[in-house]
């Protein structure tokens, strides 16, 4: 098995992301993404922490067999490789955001919930893709959490993932009365994050790393 790099999509203090082709043991080649961890000892631990989140989540979701999630193809101490989902970010494919798209997106969230996975970064439009068939896919799991059981925190975070999807739906389509109730009920976790961690997150990502909030991990520095 080997990865053939074609283009560097992102490079920053935490490492780099390369797009290319992954050659499987049977000779088959599939489009893939390689996330390489930084060698900077001060930042490497954090880069590996984020990548560990992604690998755990993908491993849980992969057996479900849904095309809306990437597959984990290779794991190495300095990088990991996952499948590349062909498609455009939500805000780049507005004309394809159908009612069916949001119904299928809810199904993906249900699969995540059943697998004990919360994404925690779905407020970012770039983390929602519209694939070649007009269906949804989730592309980034660096901030995800995996739960062995279903404590109250897990259920709260699942609801937040749904609330963020509905915010996008409200922007691009019509929401139901029940969905409006979900939108209007912000959790305590969300309120605390908004007033504390979110500010720090914006300072690090926007001021220090220069990321735009709409950019997903495969859009920066293209």
Protein backbone atom coordinates (compact mmCIF):
# COMPACT_ATOMS: atom_id res chain seq x y z
CA UNK A 1 0.00 0.00 0.00
CA UNK A 2 1.27 3.47 -0.83
CA UNK A 3 0.16 7.08 -1.22
CA UNK A 4 1.01 9.06 -4.35
CA UNK A 5 0.89 12.78 -3.61
CA UNK A 6 -0.53 15.07 -6.30
CA UNK A 7 -1.07 18.40 -4.53
CA UNK A 8 -0.57 20.02 -1.13
CA UNK A 9 -3.90 21.49 -0.07
CA UNK A 10 -2.90 22.94 3.26
CA UNK A 11 0.29 23.64 5.17
CA UNK A 12 0.51 25.30 8.57
CA UNK A 13 2.13 24.99 12.00
CA UNK A 14 0.35 21.70 12.70
CA UNK A 15 1.49 19.94 9.53
CA UNK A 16 0.16 19.53 6.02
CA UNK A 17 -2.65 17.93 4.05
CA UNK A 18 -1.94 16.36 0.67
CA UNK A 19 -4.36 15.12 -1.94
CA UNK A 20 -3.44 12.20 -4.14
CA UNK A 21 -4.10 8.54 -4.87
CA UNK A 22 -3.83 5.63 -2.47
CA UNK A 23 -2.69 2.36 -3.99
CA UNK A 24 -4.19 -0.62 -2.18
CA UNK A 25 -2.56 -4.03 -1.84
CA UNK A 26 -4.67 -5.38 -4.73
CA UNK A 27 -3.39 -2.62 -7.03
CA UNK A 28 -6.58 -0.56 -6.95
CA UNK A 29 -6.09 3.21 -6.68
CA UNK A 30 -8.58 5.50 -4.95
CA UNK A 31 -8.61 9.25 -4.34
CA UNK A 32 -7.24 10.00 -0.89
CA UNK A 33 -6.12 12.62 1.60
CA UNK A 34 -2.91 12.34 3.61
CA UNK A 35 -2.66 14.29 6.86
CA UNK A 36 1.02 14.71 7.83
CA UNK A 37 1.79 15.72 11.42
CA UNK A 38 4.27 18.50 12.16
CA UNK A 39 7.77 17.64 13.42
CA UNK A 40 7.71 20.66 15.73
CA UNK A 41 7.90 19.07 19.19
CA UNK A 42 5.97 21.95 20.78
CA UNK A 43 2.99 21.48 18.45
CA UNK A 44 3.24 17.83 17.43
CA UNK A 45 1.31 16.61 20.47
CA UNK A 46 -1.65 18.81 19.55
CA UNK A 47 -1.53 17.83 15.88
CA UNK A 48 -1.57 14.16 16.90
CA UNK A 49 -4.37 14.82 19.38
CA UNK A 50 -6.58 16.27 16.62
CA UNK A 51 -5.66 13.46 14.26
CA UNK A 52 -6.41 10.84 16.93
CA UNK A 53 -9.90 12.31 17.24
CA UNK A 54 -10.42 11.93 13.50
CA UNK A 55 -9.07 8.39 13.35
CA UNK A 56 -11.23 7.20 16.25
CA UNK A 57 -14.37 8.68 14.73
CA UNK A 58 -13.72 7.30 11.25
CA UNK A 59 -13.00 3.84 12.64
CA UNK A 60 -16.39 3.85 14.35
CA UNK A 61 -18.26 5.12 11.31
CA UNK A 62 -16.45 3.10 8.63
CA UNK A 63 -18.20 -0.24 9.37
CA UNK A 64 -21.55 1.49 8.84
CA UNK A 65 -20.74 1.66 5.12
CA UNK A 66 -22.13 5.15 4.43
CA UNK A 67 -20.58 7.10 1.55
CA UNK A 68 -21.14 10.29 3.52
CA UNK A 69 -18.12 9.54 5.71
CA UNK A 70 -14.48 8.99 4.71
CA UNK A 71 -12.71 5.64 5.12
CA UNK A 72 -9.46 5.27 7.05
CA UNK A 73 -6.90 3.73 4.68
CA UNK A 74 -3.54 3.85 6.46
CA UNK A 75 -2.20 4.80 9.89
CA UNK A 76 1.42 5.76 10.60
CA UNK A 77 3.10 7.49 13.53
CA UNK A 78 3.76 10.55 11.35
CA UNK A 79 0.57 10.63 9.26
CA UNK A 80 -2.70 8.96 8.37
CA UNK A 81 -4.49 8.53 5.05
CA UNK A 82 -8.22 8.60 4.49
CA UNK A 83 -10.40 8.45 1.41
CA UNK A 84 -11.25 11.65 -0.46
CA UNK A 85 -14.93 12.43 -0.96
CA UNK A 86 -15.48 14.14 -4.28
CA UNK A 87 -17.78 17.13 -3.94
CA UNK A 88 -18.13 20.81 -3.20
CA UNK A 89 -18.52 22.57 0.12
CA UNK A 90 -22.06 23.56 1.03
CA UNK A 91 -21.52 27.27 0.37
CA UNK A 92 -20.03 26.46 -3.05
CA UNK A 93 -23.01 24.33 -4.11
CA UNK A 94 -26.01 26.35 -2.98
CA UNK A 95 -28.05 25.48 -6.06
CA UNK A 96 -27.83 21.77 -5.15
CA UNK A 97 -29.05 22.09 -1.55
CA UNK A 98 -32.37 20.31 -2.01
CA UNK A 99 -34.92 19.19 0.58
CA UNK A 100 -33.62 15.65 0.08
CA UNK A 101 -30.08 16.84 0.85
CA UNK A 102 -31.07 17.98 4.34
CA UNK A 103 -33.11 14.83 4.97
CA UNK A 104 -30.06 12.72 4.13
CA UNK A 105 -27.86 14.99 6.26
CA UNK A 106 -30.11 14.24 9.24
CA UNK A 107 -29.64 10.53 8.53
CA UNK A 108 -25.86 10.98 8.72
CA UNK A 109 -26.25 12.63 12.11
CA UNK A 110 -28.42 9.70 13.22
CA UNK A 111 -25.71 7.25 12.15
CA UNK A 112 -23.13 9.27 14.08
CA UNK A 113 -25.35 9.23 17.15
CA UNK A 114 -25.88 5.47 16.92
CA UNK A 115 -22.10 5.05 16.61
CA UNK A 116 -21.41 7.20 19.68
CA UNK A 117 -19.74 9.97 17.67
CA UNK A 118 -20.24 13.73 17.85
CA UNK A 119 -18.55 15.99 15.30
CA UNK A 120 -18.58 19.31 17.20
CA UNK A 121 -17.54 21.38 14.18
CA UNK A 122 -20.59 21.32 11.91
CA UNK A 123 -21.26 25.03 12.29
CA UNK A 124 -18.61 25.37 9.60
CA UNK A 125 -20.24 25.16 6.17
CA UNK A 126 -17.05 23.85 4.62
CA UNK A 127 -17.31 20.70 6.72
CA UNK A 128 -20.54 19.78 4.88
CA UNK A 129 -20.01 18.55 1.33
CA UNK A 130 -22.41 18.08 -1.56
CA UNK A 131 -21.19 14.99 -3.39
CA UNK A 132 -21.48 14.18 -7.08
CA UNK A 133 -25.00 12.81 -6.56
CA UNK A 134 -26.17 15.88 -4.68
CA UNK A 135 -26.05 14.05 -1.34
CA UNK A 136 -24.36 15.20 1.90
CA UNK A 137 -21.03 14.14 3.34
CA UNK A 138 -19.09 15.17 6.45
CA UNK A 139 -15.41 15.77 5.81
CA UNK A 140 -13.65 16.80 9.03
CA UNK A 141 -13.58 14.97 12.37
CA UNK A 142 -10.63 16.61 14.12
CA UNK A 143 -12.81 18.01 16.91
CA UNK A 144 -15.00 14.94 17.20
CA UNK A 145 -15.54 12.94 20.37
CA UNK A 146 -16.35 9.24 20.78
CA UNK A 147 -18.42 8.00 23.70
CA UNK A 148 -18.57 4.38 24.94
CA UNK A 149 -22.02 5.08 26.41
CA UNK A 150 -24.58 7.85 26.08
CA UNK A 151 -24.12 10.28 28.98
CA UNK A 152 -25.98 13.57 29.07
CA UNK A 153 -23.01 15.41 27.54
CA UNK A 154 -23.12 13.12 24.51
CA UNK A 155 -26.83 13.81 23.97
CA UNK A 156 -26.25 17.57 24.33
CA UNK A 157 -23.45 17.50 21.74
CA UNK A 158 -25.59 15.44 19.36
CA UNK A 159 -28.28 18.07 19.65
CA UNK A 160 -25.71 20.78 18.94
CA UNK A 161 -24.61 18.96 15.77
CA UNK A 162 -28.27 18.91 14.70
CA UNK A 163 -28.79 22.55 15.63
CA UNK A 164 -25.85 23.59 13.46
CA UNK A 165 -27.23 21.61 10.51
CA UNK A 166 -30.59 23.32 10.97
CA UNK A 167 -28.91 26.74 10.99
CA UNK A 168 -27.58 25.92 7.53
CA UNK A 169 -30.97 24.64 6.45
CA UNK A 170 -32.65 27.83 7.66
CA UNK A 171 -30.19 29.82 5.57
CA UNK A 172 -30.73 27.87 2.36
CA UNK A 173 -34.16 26.23 2.68
CA UNK A 174 -37.37 26.14 4.71
CA UNK A 175 -37.37 24.86 8.29
CA UNK A 176 -40.32 23.31 10.10
CA UNK A 177 -41.91 24.54 13.33
CA UNK A 178 -40.26 21.69 15.23
CA UNK A 179 -36.87 22.58 13.76
CA UNK A 180 -37.34 26.19 14.80
CA UNK A 181 -37.80 25.01 18.39
CA UNK A 182 -34.45 23.19 18.21
CA UNK A 183 -32.80 26.27 16.73
CA UNK A 184 -34.11 28.52 19.48
CA UNK A 185 -32.92 26.28 22.31
CA UNK A 186 -29.17 26.84 22.72
CA UNK A 187 -27.57 24.46 25.22
CA UNK A 188 -25.53 25.53 28.25
CA UNK A 189 -22.46 23.98 26.63
CA UNK A 190 -23.04 26.15 23.56
CA UNK A 191 -23.49 29.30 25.62
CA UNK A 192 -20.30 28.67 27.59
CA UNK A 193 -18.37 27.92 24.38
CA UNK A 194 -19.63 31.10 22.74
CA UNK A 195 -18.41 33.28 25.61
CA UNK A 196 -15.09 31.55 26.31
CA UNK A 197 -13.57 28.88 24.07
CA UNK A 198 -14.93 30.27 20.82
CA UNK A 199 -13.05 33.52 21.29
CA UNK A 200 -9.80 31.65 21.91
CA UNK A 201 -10.51 29.42 18.90
CA UNK A 202 -11.00 32.44 16.64
CA UNK A 203 -7.85 34.10 17.96
CA UNK A 204 -5.70 31.03 17.25
CA UNK A 205 -7.22 30.07 13.89
CA UNK A 206 -7.80 33.55 12.43
CA UNK A 207 -5.06 35.69 13.97
CA UNK A 208 -2.24 33.18 14.41
CA UNK A 209 -2.90 30.63 11.64
CA UNK A 210 -4.72 32.94 9.24
CA UNK A 211 -7.59 30.52 8.53
CA UNK A 212 -10.89 31.87 7.30
CA UNK A 213 -13.82 30.49 9.27
CA UNK A 214 -15.55 29.18 6.16
CA UNK A 215 -12.50 27.26 5.04
CA UNK A 216 -12.44 23.57 5.76
CA UNK A 217 -9.22 21.57 6.13
CA UNK A 218 -9.12 20.77 2.42
CA UNK A 219 -9.73 24.33 1.23
CA UNK A 220 -7.05 26.31 3.03
CA UNK A 221 -4.05 27.40 1.00
CA UNK A 222 -5.32 25.87 -2.25
